[in-house]
PDB file of all heavy atoms in Angstrom:
ATOM      1  N   ASP A   1      34.266  28.632  49.569  1.00  0.00           N
ATOM      2  CA  ASP A   1      35.022  29.264  48.493  1.00  0.00           C
ATOM      3  C   ASP A   1      34.285  30.567  48.059  1.00  0.00           C
ATOM      4  O   ASP A   1      33.130  30.719  48.157  1.00  0.00           O
ATOM      5  CB  ASP A   1      35.067  28.365  47.318  1.00  0.00           C
ATOM      6  CG  ASP A   1      36.084  27.136  47.572  1.00  0.00           C
ATOM      7  OD1 ASP A   1      36.568  27.047  48.656  1.00  0.00           O
ATOM      8  OD2 ASP A   1      36.137  26.357  46.718  1.00  0.00           O
ATOM      9  N   ILE A   2      35.198  31.519  47.587  1.00  0.00           N
ATOM     10  CA  ILE A   2      34.736  32.792  47.010  1.00  0.00           C
ATOM     11  C   ILE A   2      35.149  32.920  45.653  1.00  0.00           C
ATOM     12  O   ILE A   2      36.333  32.679  45.346  1.00  0.00           O
ATOM     13  CB  ILE A   2      35.301  33.924  47.897  1.00  0.00           C
ATOM     14  CG1 ILE A   2      34.876  33.789  49.469  1.00  0.00           C
ATOM     15  CG2 ILE A   2      34.779  35.297  47.417  1.00  0.00           C
ATOM     16  CD1 ILE A   2      33.487  33.817  49.724  1.00  0.00           C
ATOM     17  N   ASP A   3      34.234  33.472  44.800  1.00  0.00           N
ATOM     18  CA  ASP A   3      34.677  33.593  43.367  1.00  0.00           C
ATOM     19  C   ASP A   3      35.368  34.959  43.158  1.00  0.00           C
ATOM     20  O   ASP A   3      35.728  35.670  44.095  1.00  0.00           O
ATOM     21  CB  ASP A   3      33.395  33.524  42.492  1.00  0.00           C
ATOM     22  CG  ASP A   3      32.486  34.676  42.666  1.00  0.00           C
ATOM     23  OD1 ASP A   3      32.827  35.692  43.321  1.00  0.00           O
ATOM     24  OD2 ASP A   3      31.231  34.501  42.184  1.00  0.00           O
ATOM     25  N   ASP A   4      35.704  35.211  41.954  1.00  0.00           N
ATOM     26  CA  ASP A   4      36.524  36.377  41.586  1.00  0.00           C
ATOM     27  C   ASP A   4      35.824  37.710  41.915  1.00  0.00           C
ATOM     28  O   ASP A   4      36.343  38.790  42.082  1.00  0.00           O
ATOM     29  CB  ASP A   4      36.975  36.449  40.176  1.00  0.00           C
ATOM     30  CG  ASP A   4      37.847  35.343  39.800  1.00  0.00           C
ATOM     31  OD1 ASP A   4      38.555  34.729  40.722  1.00  0.00           O
ATOM     32  OD2 ASP A   4      37.900  34.930  38.617  1.00  0.00           O
ATOM     33  N   ASN A   5      34.504  37.667  42.170  1.00  0.00           N
ATOM     34  CA  ASN A   5      33.731  38.833  42.475  1.00  0.00           C
ATOM     35  C   ASN A   5      33.365  38.870  43.996  1.00  0.00           C
ATOM     36  O   ASN A   5      32.517  39.561  44.406  1.00  0.00           O
ATOM     37  CB  ASN A   5      32.409  38.881  41.683  1.00  0.00           C
ATOM     38  CG  ASN A   5      32.652  38.973  40.179  1.00  0.00           C
ATOM     39  OD1 ASN A   5      33.454  39.817  39.764  1.00  0.00           O
ATOM     40  ND2 ASN A   5      31.927  38.157  39.381  1.00  0.00           N
ATOM     41  N   ASP A   6      34.074  38.016  44.773  1.00  0.00           N
ATOM     42  CA  ASP A   6      33.967  38.069  46.226  1.00  0.00           C
ATOM     43  C   ASP A   6      32.544  37.538  46.628  1.00  0.00           C
ATOM     44  O   ASP A   6      32.007  37.808  47.638  1.00  0.00           O
ATOM     45  CB  ASP A   6      34.201  39.400  46.849  1.00  0.00           C
ATOM     46  CG  ASP A   6      35.592  39.814  46.780  1.00  0.00           C
ATOM     47  OD1 ASP A   6      36.516  38.866  46.739  1.00  0.00           O
ATOM     48  OD2 ASP A   6      35.947  41.019  46.629  1.00  0.00           O
ATOM     49  N   LYS A   7      31.933  36.729  45.735  1.00  0.00           N
ATOM     50  CA  LYS A   7      30.726  36.164  46.132  1.00  0.00           C
ATOM     51  C   LYS A   7      30.824  34.629  46.426  1.00  0.00           C
ATOM     52  O   LYS A   7      31.718  33.981  45.853  1.00  0.00           O
ATOM     53  CB  LYS A   7      29.739  36.209  44.924  1.00  0.00           C
ATOM     54  CG  LYS A   7      29.306  37.754  44.662  1.00  0.00           C
ATOM     55  CD  LYS A   7      28.350  37.853  43.446  1.00  0.00           C
ATOM     56  CE  LYS A   7      27.898  39.198  43.172  1.00  0.00           C
ATOM     57  NZ  LYS A   7      26.913  39.412  42.093  1.00  0.00           N
ATOM     58  N   PRO A   8      30.023  34.135  47.365  1.00  0.00           N
ATOM     59  CA  PRO A   8      30.207  32.675  47.752  1.00  0.00           C
ATOM     60  C   PRO A   8      29.929  31.767  46.603  1.00  0.00           C
ATOM     61  O   PRO A   8      28.995  31.984  45.736  1.00  0.00           O
ATOM     62  CB  PRO A   8      29.140  32.468  48.820  1.00  0.00           C
ATOM     63  CG  PRO A   8      28.840  33.869  49.312  1.00  0.00           C
ATOM     64  CD  PRO A   8      28.946  34.761  48.136  1.00  0.00           C
ATOM     65  N   VAL A   9      30.737  30.747  46.472  1.00  0.00           N
ATOM     66  CA  VAL A   9      30.542  29.734  45.416  1.00  0.00           C
ATOM     67  C   VAL A   9      29.673  28.591  45.963  1.00  0.00           C
ATOM     68  O   VAL A   9      29.720  28.244  47.174  1.00  0.00           O
ATOM     69  CB  VAL A   9      31.856  29.123  45.064  1.00  0.00           C
ATOM     70  CG1 VAL A   9      31.700  27.948  44.128  1.00  0.00           C
ATOM     71  CG2 VAL A   9      32.863  30.148  44.460  1.00  0.00           C
ATOM     72  N   GLU A  10      28.793  28.071  45.085  1.00  0.00           N
ATOM     73  CA  GLU A  10      27.866  26.991  45.512  1.00  0.00           C
ATOM     74  C   GLU A  10      28.672  25.879  46.124  1.00  0.00           C
ATOM     75  O   GLU A  10      29.777  25.476  45.659  1.00  0.00           O
ATOM     76  CB  GLU A  10      27.186  26.466  44.286  1.00  0.00           C
ATOM     77  CG  GLU A  10      25.995  27.397  43.864  1.00  0.00           C
ATOM     78  CD  GLU A  10      24.736  27.255  44.852  1.00  0.00           C
ATOM     79  OE1 GLU A  10      24.664  26.326  45.582  1.00  0.00           O
ATOM     80  OE2 GLU A  10      23.885  28.180  44.716  1.00  0.00           O
ATOM     81  N   PRO A  11      28.239  25.269  47.278  1.00  0.00           N
ATOM     82  CA  PRO A  11      28.929  24.099  47.927  1.00  0.00           C
ATOM     83  C   PRO A  11      29.119  22.996  46.845  1.00  0.00           C
ATOM     84  O   PRO A  11      28.145  22.642  46.072  1.00  0.00           O
ATOM     85  CB  PRO A  11      28.079  23.770  48.978  1.00  0.00           C
ATOM     86  CG  PRO A  11      27.311  24.980  49.352  1.00  0.00           C
ATOM     87  CD  PRO A  11      27.104  25.615  48.031  1.00  0.00           C
ATOM     88  N   HIS A  12      30.306  22.434  46.768  1.00  0.00           N
ATOM     89  CA  HIS A  12      30.641  21.379  45.759  1.00  0.00           C
ATOM     90  C   HIS A  12      31.645  20.361  46.352  1.00  0.00           C
ATOM     91  O   HIS A  12      32.389  20.804  47.268  1.00  0.00           O
ATOM     92  CB  HIS A  12      31.135  22.014  44.459  1.00  0.00           C
ATOM     93  CG  HIS A  12      32.355  22.987  44.691  1.00  0.00           C
ATOM     94  ND1 HIS A  12      32.245  24.303  45.158  1.00  0.00           N
ATOM     95  CD2 HIS A  12      33.665  22.695  44.564  1.00  0.00           C
ATOM     96  CE1 HIS A  12      33.534  24.764  45.309  1.00  0.00           C
ATOM     97  NE2 HIS A  12      34.359  23.851  44.976  1.00  0.00           N
ATOM     98  N   ILE A  13      31.776  19.268  45.641  1.00  0.00           N
ATOM     99  CA  ILE A  13      32.749  18.348  46.103  1.00  0.00           C
ATOM    100  C   ILE A  13      33.929  18.364  45.110  1.00  0.00           C
ATOM    101  O   ILE A  13      33.811  18.607  44.009  1.00  0.00           O
ATOM    102  CB  ILE A  13      32.169  16.895  46.183  1.00  0.00           C
ATOM    103  CG1 ILE A  13      31.725  16.381  44.761  1.00  0.00           C
ATOM    104  CG2 ILE A  13      31.093  16.797  47.237  1.00  0.00           C
ATOM    105  CD1 ILE A  13      31.561  14.863  44.780  1.00  0.00           C
ATOM    106  N   HIS A  14      35.166  18.008  45.616  1.00  0.00           N
ATOM    107  CA  HIS A  14      36.259  17.699  44.907  1.00  0.00           C
ATOM    108  C   HIS A  14      36.574  16.200  45.262  1.00  0.00           C
ATOM    109  O   HIS A  14      36.846  15.921  46.338  1.00  0.00           O
ATOM    110  CB  HIS A  14      37.468  18.568  45.247  1.00  0.00           C
ATOM    111  CG  HIS A  14      37.361  19.899  44.573  1.00  0.00           C
ATOM    112  ND1 HIS A  14      38.014  20.339  43.563  1.00  0.00           N
ATOM    113  CD2 HIS A  14      36.735  21.095  45.150  1.00  0.00           C
ATOM    114  CE1 HIS A  14      37.713  21.563  43.202  1.00  0.00           C
ATOM    115  NE2 HIS A  14      37.055  22.101  44.144  1.00  0.00           N
ATOM    116  N   LEU A  15      36.421  15.386  44.194  1.00  0.00           N
ATOM    117  CA  LEU A  15      36.681  14.009  44.386  1.00  0.00           C
ATOM    118  C   LEU A  15      37.850  13.487  43.518  1.00  0.00           C
ATOM    119  O   LEU A  15      37.899  13.791  42.326  1.00  0.00           O
ATOM    120  CB  LEU A  15      35.336  13.188  43.910  1.00  0.00           C
ATOM    121  CG  LEU A  15      35.388  11.625  43.818  1.00  0.00           C
ATOM    122  CD1 LEU A  15      35.719  11.068  45.198  1.00  0.00           C
ATOM    123  CD2 LEU A  15      34.046  11.163  43.248  1.00  0.00           C
ATOM    124  N   VAL A  16      38.715  12.827  44.193  1.00  0.00           N
ATOM    125  CA  VAL A  16      39.892  12.210  43.557  1.00  0.00           C
ATOM    126  C   VAL A  16      39.739  10.701  43.411  1.00  0.00           C
ATOM    127  O   VAL A  16      39.506  10.082  44.561  1.00  0.00           O
ATOM    128  CB  VAL A  16      41.170  12.626  44.144  1.00  0.00           C
ATOM    129  CG1 VAL A  16      42.356  12.019  43.509  1.00  0.00           C
ATOM    130  CG2 VAL A  16      41.371  14.137  44.255  1.00  0.00           C
ATOM    131  N   ILE A  17      39.900  10.114  42.299  1.00  0.00           N
ATOM    132  CA  ILE A  17      39.703   8.676  42.193  1.00  0.00           C
ATOM    133  C   ILE A  17      40.935   8.067  41.478  1.00  0.00           C
ATOM    134  O   ILE A  17      41.547   8.581  40.562  1.00  0.00           O
ATOM    135  CB  ILE A  17      38.496   8.358  41.264  1.00  0.00           C
ATOM    136  CG1 ILE A  17      37.205   8.912  42.009  1.00  0.00           C
ATOM    137  CG2 ILE A  17      38.366   6.834  41.091  1.00  0.00           C
ATOM    138  CD1 ILE A  17      35.915   8.689  41.088  1.00  0.00           C
ATOM    139  N   VAL A  18      41.364   6.863  42.035  1.00  0.00           N
ATOM    140  CA  VAL A  18      42.452   6.093  41.414  1.00  0.00           C
ATOM    141  C   VAL A  18      41.833   4.703  41.024  1.00  0.00           C
ATOM    142  O   VAL A  18      41.195   4.027  41.891  1.00  0.00           O
ATOM    143  CB  VAL A  18      43.626   5.829  42.338  1.00  0.00           C
ATOM    144  CG1 VAL A  18      44.639   4.982  41.707  1.00  0.00           C
ATOM    145  CG2 VAL A  18      44.157   7.179  42.778  1.00  0.00           C
ATOM    146  N   LEU A  19      41.892   4.315  39.744  1.00  0.00           N
ATOM    147  CA  LEU A  19      41.354   3.058  39.267  1.00  0.00           C
ATOM    148  C   LEU A  19      42.506   2.054  39.076  1.00  0.00           C
ATOM    149  O   LEU A  19      43.589   2.350  38.952  1.00  0.00           O
ATOM    150  CB  LEU A  19      40.600   3.242  37.923  1.00  0.00           C
ATOM    151  CG  LEU A  19      39.479   4.364  37.950  1.00  0.00           C
ATOM    152  CD1 LEU A  19      39.073   4.709  36.559  1.00  0.00           C
ATOM    153  CD2 LEU A  19      38.302   3.926  38.798  1.00  0.00           C
ATOM    154  N   ASP A  20      42.127   0.841  39.040  1.00  0.00           N
ATOM    155  CA  ASP A  20      43.016  -0.335  38.764  1.00  0.00           C
ATOM    156  C   ASP A  20      43.414  -0.464  37.401  1.00  0.00           C
ATOM    157  O   ASP A  20      44.355  -1.155  36.953  1.00  0.00           O
ATOM    158  CB  ASP A  20      42.579  -1.599  39.448  1.00  0.00           C
ATOM    159  CG  ASP A  20      41.332  -2.127  38.739  1.00  0.00           C
ATOM    160  OD1 ASP A  20      40.751  -1.385  37.877  1.00  0.00           O
ATOM    161  OD2 ASP A  20      40.842  -3.296  39.192  1.00  0.00           O
ATOM    162  N   GLU A  21      42.595   0.220  36.457  1.00  0.00           N
ATOM    163  CA  GLU A  21      42.940   0.132  35.019  1.00  0.00           C
ATOM    164  C   GLU A  21      42.257   1.473  34.438  1.00  0.00           C
ATOM    165  O   GLU A  21      41.355   2.016  35.035  1.00  0.00           O
ATOM    166  CB  GLU A  21      42.389  -1.046  34.356  1.00  0.00           C
ATOM    167  CG  GLU A  21      40.853  -1.230  34.512  1.00  0.00           C
ATOM    168  CD  GLU A  21      40.387  -2.405  33.662  1.00  0.00           C
ATOM    169  OE1 GLU A  21      41.231  -2.986  32.890  1.00  0.00           O
ATOM    170  OE2 GLU A  21      39.248  -2.938  33.880  1.00  0.00           O
ATOM    171  N   SER A  22      42.619   1.837  33.227  1.00  0.00           N
ATOM    172  CA  SER A  22      42.128   2.969  32.561  1.00  0.00           C
ATOM    173  C   SER A  22      40.642   2.704  32.129  1.00  0.00           C
ATOM    174  O   SER A  22      40.393   1.658  31.528  1.00  0.00           O
ATOM    175  CB  SER A  22      42.998   3.423  31.367  1.00  0.00           C
ATOM    176  OG  SER A  22      44.173   3.818  31.813  1.00  0.00           O
ATOM    177  N   LEU A  23      39.703   3.556  32.435  1.00  0.00           N
ATOM    178  CA  LEU A  23      38.302   3.471  31.927  1.00  0.00           C
ATOM    179  C   LEU A  23      37.996   4.675  31.164  1.00  0.00           C
ATOM    180  O   LEU A  23      38.464   5.841  31.473  1.00  0.00           O
ATOM    181  CB  LEU A  23      37.493   3.230  33.190  1.00  0.00           C
ATOM    182  CG  LEU A  23      37.647   1.957  33.999  1.00  0.00           C
ATOM    183  CD1 LEU A  23      36.623   2.000  35.189  1.00  0.00           C
ATOM    184  CD2 LEU A  23      37.506   0.729  33.255  1.00  0.00           C
ATOM    185  N   ASN A  24      36.961   4.486  30.387  1.00  0.00           N
ATOM    186  CA  ASN A  24      36.389   5.618  29.592  1.00  0.00           C
ATOM    187  C   ASN A  24      35.778   6.657  30.578  1.00  0.00           C
ATOM    188  O   ASN A  24      35.175   6.221  31.592  1.00  0.00           O
ATOM    189  CB  ASN A  24      35.438   5.212  28.574  1.00  0.00           C
ATOM    190  CG  ASN A  24      34.922   6.320  27.620  1.00  0.00           C
ATOM    191  OD1 ASN A  24      33.913   6.881  27.941  1.00  0.00           O
ATOM    192  ND2 ASN A  24      35.655   6.518  26.540  1.00  0.00           N
ATOM    193  N   ILE A  25      35.810   7.878  30.226  1.00  0.00           N
ATOM    194  CA  ILE A  25      35.276   8.853  31.200  1.00  0.00           C
ATOM    195  C   ILE A  25      33.716   8.771  31.358  1.00  0.00           C
ATOM    196  O   ILE A  25      33.208   9.081  32.434  1.00  0.00           O
ATOM    197  CB  ILE A  25      35.610  10.304  30.761  1.00  0.00           C
ATOM    198  CG1 ILE A  25      35.109  10.604  29.363  1.00  0.00           C
ATOM    199  CG2 ILE A  25      37.088  10.550  30.805  1.00  0.00           C
ATOM    200  CD1 ILE A  25      35.249  12.039  28.881  1.00  0.00           C
TER     201      ILE A  25
END
């Protein structure tokens, strides 16, 4: 990924989770 200043963004994860019930964050 590149930021708005055309500089590399630190490596990071995007994690998507589905739970069987609502839990507090």
